Protein backbone atom coordinates (compact mmCIF):
# COMPACT_ATOMS: atom_id res chain seq x y z
CA UNK A 1 62.52 60.51 -2.04
CA UNK A 2 60.14 62.10 -4.52
CA UNK A 3 61.19 59.56 -7.14
CA UNK A 4 60.35 56.61 -4.92
CA UNK A 5 57.12 58.27 -3.77
CA UNK A 6 56.14 58.82 -7.40
CA UNK A 7 56.77 55.15 -8.21
CA UNK A 8 54.63 54.13 -5.24
CA UNK A 9 51.84 56.43 -6.43
CA UNK A 10 51.94 55.02 -9.97
CA UNK A 11 51.99 51.46 -8.63
CA UNK A 12 49.04 52.18 -6.34
CA UNK A 13 47.07 53.55 -9.27
CA UNK A 14 47.79 50.55 -11.48
CA UNK A 15 46.97 48.05 -8.73
CA UNK A 16 43.70 49.90 -8.07
CA UNK A 17 42.47 49.07 -11.58
CA UNK A 18 39.80 46.33 -11.81
CA UNK A 19 42.06 44.45 -14.26
CA UNK A 20 44.61 43.95 -11.48
CA UNK A 21 42.39 41.77 -9.26
CA UNK A 22 41.01 38.27 -9.78
CA UNK A 23 37.55 39.43 -8.72
CA UNK A 24 37.45 42.19 -11.34
CA UNK A 25 36.69 44.76 -8.65
CA UNK A 26 38.90 47.59 -7.49
CA UNK A 27 41.29 46.62 -4.73
CA UNK A 28 40.85 48.54 -1.47
CA UNK A 29 43.16 51.55 -1.46
CA UNK A 30 45.08 50.34 1.60
CA UNK A 31 45.87 46.99 -0.08
CA UNK A 32 46.96 48.64 -3.33
CA UNK A 33 49.09 51.20 -1.46
CA UNK A 34 50.63 48.61 0.84
CA UNK A 35 51.50 46.24 -2.02
CA UNK A 36 52.92 49.03 -4.20
CA UNK A 37 55.07 50.36 -1.35
CA UNK A 38 56.26 46.87 -0.48
CA UNK A 39 57.20 46.23 -4.13
CA UNK A 40 58.95 49.55 -4.81
CA UNK A 41 60.80 49.33 -1.49
CA UNK A 42 61.64 45.69 -2.32
CA UNK A 43 60.25 44.48 0.99
CA UNK A 44 57.86 41.59 0.39
CA UNK A 45 55.28 42.12 3.13
CA UNK A 46 51.76 41.52 1.80
CA UNK A 47 48.21 42.06 3.01
CA UNK A 48 46.66 39.88 0.29
CA UNK A 49 47.88 36.64 -1.29
CA UNK A 50 49.83 37.54 -4.44
CA UNK A 51 48.92 34.56 -6.73
CA UNK A 52 45.24 34.31 -5.77
CA UNK A 53 44.32 37.99 -5.35
CA UNK A 54 46.19 39.65 -8.22
CA UNK A 55 45.77 38.80 -11.91
CA UNK A 56 48.71 38.31 -14.25
CA UNK A 57 48.44 42.03 -14.99
CA UNK A 58 48.65 42.85 -11.29
CA UNK A 59 51.59 40.49 -10.81
CA UNK A 60 53.45 42.03 -13.76
CA UNK A 61 52.90 45.47 -12.20
CA UNK A 62 54.33 44.16 -8.92
CA UNK A 63 57.43 42.65 -10.52
CA UNK A 64 57.92 45.84 -12.54
CA UNK A 65 57.81 47.90 -9.37
CA UNK A 66 60.30 45.53 -7.74
CA UNK A 67 62.72 45.91 -10.65
CA UNK A 68 62.34 49.68 -10.62
CA UNK A 69 62.85 49.88 -6.88
CA UNK A 70 65.80 47.51 -6.92
CA UNK A 71 67.72 49.29 -9.63
CA UNK A 72 66.83 52.67 -8.19
CA UNK A 73 64.65 55.35 -9.66
CA UNK A 74 67.65 57.58 -10.29
CA UNK A 75 69.53 54.77 -12.03
CA UNK A 76 66.66 54.18 -14.46
CA UNK A 77 66.24 57.93 -15.01
CA UNK A 78 69.96 58.29 -15.77
CA UNK A 79 69.91 55.38 -18.23
CA UNK A 80 66.88 56.89 -19.96
CA UNK A 81 68.66 60.23 -20.25
CA UNK A 82 71.77 58.61 -21.71
CA UNK A 83 69.84 56.59 -24.26
CA UNK A 84 67.62 59.45 -25.43
CA UNK A 85 69.85 62.52 -25.41
CA UNK A 86 73.35 60.99 -25.14
CA UNK A 87 74.06 63.89 -22.80
CA UNK A 88 74.06 64.01 -19.04
CA UNK A 89 73.90 67.26 -17.10
CA UNK A 90 75.88 67.85 -13.92
CA UNK A 91 72.77 67.75 -11.72
CA UNK A 92 71.62 64.45 -13.21
CA UNK A 93 75.10 62.98 -12.72
CA UNK A 94 75.15 64.05 -9.08
CA UNK A 95 71.74 62.46 -8.47
CA UNK A 96 72.79 59.26 -10.21
CA UNK A 97 76.06 59.22 -8.29
CA UNK A 98 74.19 59.45 -4.98
CA UNK A 99 71.98 56.50 -5.93
CA UNK A 100 74.64 54.24 -7.44
CA UNK A 101 77.49 55.18 -5.08
CA UNK A 102 79.69 55.90 -8.10
CA UNK A 103 83.05 57.07 -6.82
CA UNK A 104 84.03 58.85 -10.03
CA UNK A 105 81.66 61.52 -11.30
CA UNK A 106 82.88 61.15 -14.88
CA UNK A 107 82.07 57.42 -14.93
CA UNK A 108 78.38 57.57 -13.99
CA UNK A 109 77.21 56.48 -17.43
CA UNK A 110 79.45 53.42 -17.35
CA UNK A 111 78.42 52.60 -13.79
CA UNK A 112 74.73 52.73 -14.64
CA UNK A 113 75.24 50.53 -17.70
CA UNK A 114 77.16 47.97 -15.67
CA UNK A 115 74.51 47.97 -12.95
CA UNK A 116 71.75 47.25 -15.44
CA UNK A 117 73.74 44.60 -17.33
CA UNK A 118 74.84 42.89 -14.12
CA UNK A 119 71.30 42.88 -12.73
CA UNK A 120 69.76 41.50 -15.91
CA UNK A 121 72.58 38.97 -16.25
CA UNK A 122 72.12 37.50 -12.77
CA UNK A 123 68.34 37.47 -13.14
CA UNK A 124 68.57 35.75 -16.54
CA UNK A 125 70.92 33.01 -15.30
CA UNK A 126 68.75 32.39 -12.23
CA UNK A 127 65.59 32.35 -14.38
CA UNK A 128 67.06 29.79 -16.81
CA UNK A 129 68.04 27.42 -13.99
CA UNK A 130 64.69 27.81 -12.23
CA UNK A 131 62.74 27.33 -15.48
CA UNK A 132 64.58 24.08 -16.14
CA UNK A 133 63.91 22.89 -12.59
CA UNK A 134 60.22 23.81 -12.58
CA UNK A 135 59.64 22.21 -16.01
CA UNK A 136 61.61 18.99 -15.53
CA UNK A 137 61.25 18.16 -11.84
CA UNK A 138 57.81 19.62 -11.11
CA UNK A 139 56.40 19.06 -14.63
CA UNK A 140 55.05 22.58 -15.06
CA UNK A 141 54.14 23.67 -18.60
CA UNK A 142 57.09 25.51 -20.12
CA UNK A 143 55.28 28.85 -20.29
CA UNK A 144 54.18 28.68 -16.66
CA UNK A 145 57.61 27.48 -15.54
CA UNK A 146 59.30 30.38 -17.33
CA UNK A 147 56.88 32.91 -15.84
CA UNK A 148 57.36 31.63 -12.29
CA UNK A 149 61.12 31.45 -12.78
CA UNK A 150 61.43 35.03 -14.07
CA UNK A 151 59.21 36.32 -11.26
CA UNK A 152 61.23 34.57 -8.56
CA UNK A 153 64.59 35.48 -10.14
CA UNK A 154 63.74 39.20 -10.20
CA UNK A 155 62.25 39.01 -6.72
CA UNK A 156 65.34 37.22 -5.38
CA UNK A 157 68.01 39.43 -6.93
CA UNK A 158 66.19 42.56 -5.79
CA UNK A 159 65.80 41.08 -2.29
CA UNK A 160 62.02 41.47 -2.47
CA UNK A 161 60.64 38.10 -1.37
CA UNK A 162 57.42 38.23 -3.42
CA UNK A 163 56.35 34.84 -4.77
CA UNK A 164 53.79 33.39 -7.16
CA UNK A 165 53.17 30.62 -4.60
CA UNK A 166 50.73 31.05 -1.73
CA UNK A 167 53.16 29.26 0.59
CA UNK A 168 56.14 31.24 -0.77
CA UNK A 169 59.04 28.74 -1.08
CA UNK A 170 57.77 26.19 1.47
CA UNK A 171 56.92 23.67 -1.25
CA UNK A 172 60.61 23.54 -2.20
CA UNK A 173 62.04 23.14 1.31
CA UNK A 174 64.00 20.00 0.38
CA UNK A 175 65.00 21.11 -3.13
CA UNK A 176 68.64 22.31 -2.99
CA UNK A 177 68.58 23.60 -6.56
CA UNK A 178 65.81 26.13 -5.95
CA UNK A 179 67.03 27.02 -2.46
CA UNK A 180 70.65 27.58 -3.46
CA UNK A 181 69.87 29.42 -6.70
CA UNK A 182 67.54 31.84 -4.92
CA UNK A 183 70.03 32.27 -2.08
CA UNK A 184 72.84 33.01 -4.55
CA UNK A 185 70.74 35.65 -6.32
CA UNK A 186 69.81 37.19 -2.97
CA UNK A 187 73.46 37.35 -1.85
CA UNK A 188 74.69 38.83 -5.15
CA UNK A 189 71.98 41.48 -5.09
CA UNK A 190 72.65 42.27 -1.44
CA UNK A 191 76.44 42.65 -1.68
CA UNK A 192 76.18 46.03 -3.33
CA UNK A 193 77.20 47.07 -6.83
CA UNK A 194 80.53 48.74 -5.89
CA UNK A 195 81.66 45.59 -4.07
CA UNK A 196 80.70 43.28 -6.95
CA UNK A 197 82.45 45.48 -9.51
CA UNK A 198 85.61 45.74 -7.41
CA UNK A 199 85.73 41.97 -6.92
CA UNK A 200 85.33 41.44 -10.67
CA UNK A 201 88.06 43.98 -11.39
CA UNK A 202 90.62 43.06 -8.72
CA UNK A 203 89.84 39.47 -7.68
CA UNK A 204 93.44 38.42 -8.26
CA UNK A 205 94.73 40.95 -5.72
CA UNK A 206 92.34 40.87 -2.74
CA UNK A 207 94.88 42.78 -0.65
CA UNK A 208 94.10 45.85 -2.77
CA UNK A 209 90.37 45.74 -1.97
CA UNK A 210 88.88 48.91 -0.51
CA UNK A 211 87.69 49.11 3.09
CA UNK A 212 84.09 48.92 1.83
CA UNK A 213 84.71 45.63 0.04
CA UNK A 214 86.74 44.10 2.86
CA UNK A 215 84.12 44.90 5.52
CA UNK A 216 81.23 43.79 3.30
CA UNK A 217 82.80 40.46 2.35
CA UNK A 218 84.04 39.67 5.86
CA UNK A 219 80.77 40.45 7.62
CA UNK A 220 78.58 38.88 4.93
CA UNK A 221 80.52 35.63 5.23
CA UNK A 222 80.50 35.75 9.02
CA UNK A 223 76.78 36.52 9.28
CA UNK A 224 75.87 33.82 6.75
CA UNK A 225 77.89 31.23 8.66
CA UNK A 226 76.64 32.33 12.07
CA UNK A 227 73.04 32.44 10.91
CA UNK A 228 73.31 28.97 9.35
CA UNK A 229 74.64 27.53 12.62
CA UNK A 230 72.02 29.25 14.79
CA UNK A 231 69.03 28.32 12.61
CA UNK A 232 70.18 24.73 12.09
CA UNK A 233 70.63 24.16 15.82
CA UNK A 234 67.57 26.12 16.99
CA UNK A 235 65.18 24.47 14.52
CA UNK A 236 66.76 21.01 14.40
CA UNK A 237 64.21 19.42 16.74
CA UNK A 238 61.25 21.61 15.81
CA UNK A 239 58.66 19.30 14.21
CA UNK A 240 57.00 22.25 12.45
CA UNK A 241 60.17 23.42 10.65
CA UNK A 242 63.46 21.48 10.29
CA UNK A 243 62.56 18.50 12.48
CA UNK A 244 61.52 16.05 9.71
CA UNK A 245 64.56 16.87 7.54
CA UNK A 246 67.78 14.88 7.20
CA UNK A 247 71.10 16.31 8.40
CA UNK A 248 72.24 17.80 5.06
CA UNK A 249 68.73 19.13 4.40
CA UNK A 250 68.73 20.90 7.76
CA UNK A 251 72.02 22.62 6.91
CA UNK A 252 70.71 23.77 3.51
CA UNK A 253 67.48 25.00 5.10
CA UNK A 254 69.51 26.80 7.78
CA UNK A 255 71.72 28.42 5.13
CA UNK A 256 68.68 29.54 3.13
CA UNK A 257 67.06 31.00 6.26
CA UNK A 258 70.30 32.84 7.06
CA UNK A 259 70.64 34.23 3.54
CA UNK A 260 67.07 35.48 3.21
CA UNK A 261 66.90 36.92 6.74
CA UNK A 262 69.19 39.73 5.65
CA UNK A 263 66.42 41.43 3.63
CA UNK A 264 65.22 38.91 1.02
CA UNK A 265 61.94 37.88 2.64
CA UNK A 266 61.51 34.38 1.17
CA UNK A 267 60.61 31.63 3.62
CA UNK A 268 61.00 27.88 3.12
CA UNK A 269 59.30 27.09 6.46
CA UNK A 270 56.46 28.66 8.42
CA UNK A 271 58.12 31.66 10.08
CA UNK A 272 55.40 31.83 12.72
CA UNK A 273 56.28 28.28 13.83
CA UNK A 274 59.97 29.02 14.39
CA UNK A 275 61.45 29.03 17.89
CA UNK A 276 61.97 32.23 19.86
CA UNK A 277 65.72 31.82 19.44
CA UNK A 278 65.35 31.80 15.65
CA UNK A 279 63.03 34.80 15.69
CA UNK A 280 65.53 36.77 17.78
CA UNK A 281 68.39 35.79 15.48
CA UNK A 282 66.28 36.84 12.49
CA UNK A 283 65.58 40.21 14.16
CA UNK A 284 69.31 40.84 14.48
CA UNK A 285 70.14 39.74 10.92
CA UNK A 286 67.29 41.79 9.46
CA UNK A 287 68.33 44.93 11.30
CA UNK A 288 71.94 44.67 10.08
CA UNK A 289 70.87 43.95 6.51
CA UNK A 290 73.17 43.69 3.49
CA UNK A 291 75.76 45.73 1.61
CA UNK A 292 75.64 49.39 0.70
CA UNK A 293 74.42 50.42 -2.77
CA UNK A 294 72.78 47.04 -3.33
CA UNK A 295 69.20 45.84 -3.24
CA UNK A 296 69.32 44.91 0.45
CA UNK A 297 67.98 46.99 3.32
CA UNK A 298 68.78 47.34 7.01
CA UNK A 299 71.39 49.68 8.46
CA UNK A 300 73.93 47.86 6.22
CA UNK A 301 76.86 45.64 7.12
CA UNK A 302 79.29 48.51 6.55
CA UNK A 303 77.57 50.55 9.26
CA UNK A 304 77.64 47.60 11.64
CA UNK A 305 81.24 46.80 10.71
CA UNK A 306 82.47 50.35 11.24
CA UNK A 307 80.84 50.45 14.68
CA UNK A 308 82.50 47.13 15.54
CA UNK A 309 85.91 48.54 14.60
CA UNK A 310 85.19 51.69 16.61
CA UNK A 311 84.42 49.52 19.64
CA UNK A 312 87.52 47.39 19.12
CA UNK A 313 89.75 50.47 18.82
CA UNK A 314 88.22 51.96 21.97
CA UNK A 315 88.79 48.74 23.91
CA UNK A 316 92.42 48.70 22.81
CA UNK A 317 92.86 52.37 23.73
CA UNK A 318 93.83 53.43 20.22
CA UNK A 319 93.35 57.05 19.15
CA UNK A 320 92.38 56.18 15.58
CA UNK A 321 90.06 53.60 14.05
CA UNK A 322 91.83 51.53 11.43
CA UNK A 323 90.68 48.80 9.05
CA UNK A 324 93.62 46.95 7.57
CA UNK A 325 96.10 49.63 6.56
CA UNK A 326 93.52 52.42 6.33
CA UNK A 327 92.35 54.97 8.92
CA UNK A 328 88.60 55.64 9.08
CA UNK A 329 87.70 59.37 9.22
CA UNK A 330 85.79 60.53 12.31
CA UNK A 331 83.02 61.83 10.06
CA UNK A 332 82.49 58.30 8.75
CA UNK A 333 82.27 57.00 12.30
CA UNK A 334 79.66 59.63 13.23
CA UNK A 335 77.60 58.78 10.14
CA UNK A 336 77.57 55.09 11.08
CA UNK A 337 76.61 55.89 14.67
CA UNK A 338 73.84 58.24 13.58
CA UNK A 339 72.30 55.74 11.14
CA UNK A 340 72.42 52.89 13.68
CA UNK A 341 70.94 54.93 16.54
CA UNK A 342 68.23 56.52 14.40
CA UNK A 343 67.32 53.10 13.02
CA UNK A 344 67.12 51.72 16.53
CA UNK A 345 64.97 54.66 17.59
CA UNK A 346 62.58 54.19 14.68
CA UNK A 347 62.22 50.47 15.43
CA UNK A 348 61.62 50.99 19.17
CA UNK A 349 59.21 53.86 18.65
CA UNK A 350 57.18 52.05 15.98
CA UNK A 351 57.02 48.88 18.06
CA UNK A 352 55.77 50.85 21.05
CA UNK A 353 53.08 52.45 18.86
CA UNK A 354 51.90 49.10 17.46
CA UNK A 355 51.81 47.62 20.96
CA UNK A 356 49.46 50.44 21.92
CA UNK A 357 47.07 50.06 18.97
CA UNK A 358 47.08 46.25 18.49
CA UNK A 359 46.63 43.16 20.66
CA UNK A 360 49.63 41.19 19.39
CA UNK A 361 52.64 40.24 21.50
CA UNK A 362 55.92 42.14 21.63
CA UNK A 363 57.80 39.30 19.92
CA UNK A 364 55.71 39.25 16.75
CA UNK A 365 55.27 43.03 16.54
CA UNK A 366 59.00 43.68 16.93
CA UNK A 367 59.62 41.09 14.21
CA UNK A 368 57.10 42.80 11.90
CA UNK A 369 58.51 46.28 12.53
CA UNK A 370 62.13 45.28 11.89
CA UNK A 371 61.05 43.35 8.79
CA UNK A 372 59.33 46.47 7.41
CA UNK A 373 62.06 48.96 8.35
CA UNK A 374 64.85 46.70 7.04
CA UNK A 375 62.78 46.02 3.88
CA UNK A 376 62.94 42.27 4.46
CA UNK A 377 59.39 40.97 4.07
CA UNK A 378 59.44 38.07 6.51
CA UNK A 379 56.37 37.84 8.73
CA UNK A 380 54.92 35.60 11.39
CA UNK A 381 51.59 35.91 9.56
CA UNK A 382 50.02 38.95 11.21
CA UNK A 383 50.36 41.53 8.41
CA UNK A 384 46.89 41.05 6.95
CA UNK A 385 45.34 40.97 10.44
CA UNK A 386 46.64 44.40 11.43
CA UNK A 387 44.33 47.41 11.44
CA UNK A 388 44.50 50.04 8.72
CA UNK A 389 46.39 52.41 11.03
CA UNK A 390 48.93 49.71 11.87
CA UNK A 391 49.39 48.90 8.18
CA UNK A 392 49.96 52.60 7.48
CA UNK A 393 52.71 52.53 10.11
CA UNK A 394 54.33 49.61 8.26
CA UNK A 395 54.03 51.51 4.96
CA UNK A 396 55.89 54.42 6.51
CA UNK A 397 58.53 52.07 7.87
CA UNK A 398 59.08 50.41 4.48
CA UNK A 399 59.46 53.77 2.76
CA UNK A 400 61.76 55.15 5.46
CA UNK A 401 63.83 51.97 5.46
CA UNK A 402 64.35 52.12 1.71
CA UNK A 403 65.20 55.81 1.23
CA UNK A 404 66.00 56.92 4.79
CA UNK A 405 69.56 55.60 5.38
CA UNK A 406 70.71 56.67 1.89
CA UNK A 407 69.13 60.12 2.21
CA UNK A 408 70.45 60.60 5.72
CA UNK A 409 74.00 59.56 4.86
CA UNK A 410 74.02 61.79 1.76
CA UNK A 411 72.66 64.76 3.69
CA UNK A 412 75.24 64.33 6.44
CA UNK A 413 78.06 64.12 3.92
CA UNK A 414 76.89 67.19 2.00
CA UNK A 415 76.28 69.33 5.09
CA UNK A 416 79.83 69.01 6.40
CA UNK A 417 81.22 72.41 7.42
CA UNK A 418 84.35 73.64 9.12
CA UNK A 419 83.99 75.47 12.44
CA UNK A 420 86.47 78.35 12.81
CA UNK A 421 86.72 78.06 16.56
CA UNK A 422 86.95 75.41 19.27
CA UNK A 423 85.07 75.39 22.58
CA UNK A 424 86.72 74.40 25.89
CA UNK A 425 86.84 70.64 26.36
CA UNK A 426 85.19 68.90 29.33
CA UNK A 427 85.10 65.15 29.82
CA UNK A 428 82.06 63.51 31.39
CA UNK A 429 81.58 60.18 33.11
CA UNK A 430 80.60 57.39 30.70
CA UNK A 431 79.17 54.14 31.98
């Protein structure tokens, strides 16, 4: 938590410099703090327009904060330690293991190296494709095309949603190359590093996949498909979104909306013009989020998946929760329940607070709160119109959403203790 807070503080300081703004004047502290928090927490919510308010220096600071936040402060610190001293103390390994979800303490160095190489590899491939597209199809100068491509590739892989375009990705609504490349980078970043590495290592024997990988792949596929169907149908006749598009274009736009709703924050249509059905579907997808130990936010698909299996086992009257041929420990079930309920409590409480201090409707405020807590970055357009107090609430939500679930799960796992006695059991009425 201190590592992420320190990165936010450094980013706020850099964005407060006159060189960071187009006007040459210092940015208001609330705008610098909000942007730095949004970047480090890879959210994407903004109070000022990124390409017109910030200079190239300011934009480079933002993309640097996104990269740092996406890889994880502890991951970068571990890599720095390895490169400089070639030695890694036990405490540093434990911290790095908590951030990278390394299952083997002795392999932390290798895990960190693979994370960095994988991240840079995906970003490089996406940047090359986007550069080619921007330069050839949209006739941008090569230097500008490369800059925009690198910015969007890093922003996409880290599930941030920042853009060098004032309308985000709306100008490329009908361009499948840009939509699908960004969506692919978002999905790869959101799967989680352990899942990606296991797939690369054991792709020939999917039956041997761990429970984490099986749940992540199954739910990611299901949510992507379900979201595509819902958005395509709900927006098909909306003249302000998918209405003017052809059939295949509507499907691609629906797929892109489904992919980015699970914490990426890009938008190819005006989010504020979407139907209530689409906004509700987006709320649900944002809250669930992506995979554990990746760049996505939300309560994570593994949390949601474990709770679904708990419910299924309870309905069937089974005494144990099983996934495939593995039994899920009760401690794991309690962790998932705690994270989901606390996340729900934070969202409800923050929405109630914003309803009290602002004049916006429940629908748009709930959307904004979930977007901040799940570190998504989608907005119906009210972020800049909120009061300073309301923006401070969103800052707290972004920070809590980025470090909260990880910190909470780690604390719960480390505080496990054995009770040497049992109290008398008494069942109560449920339901």
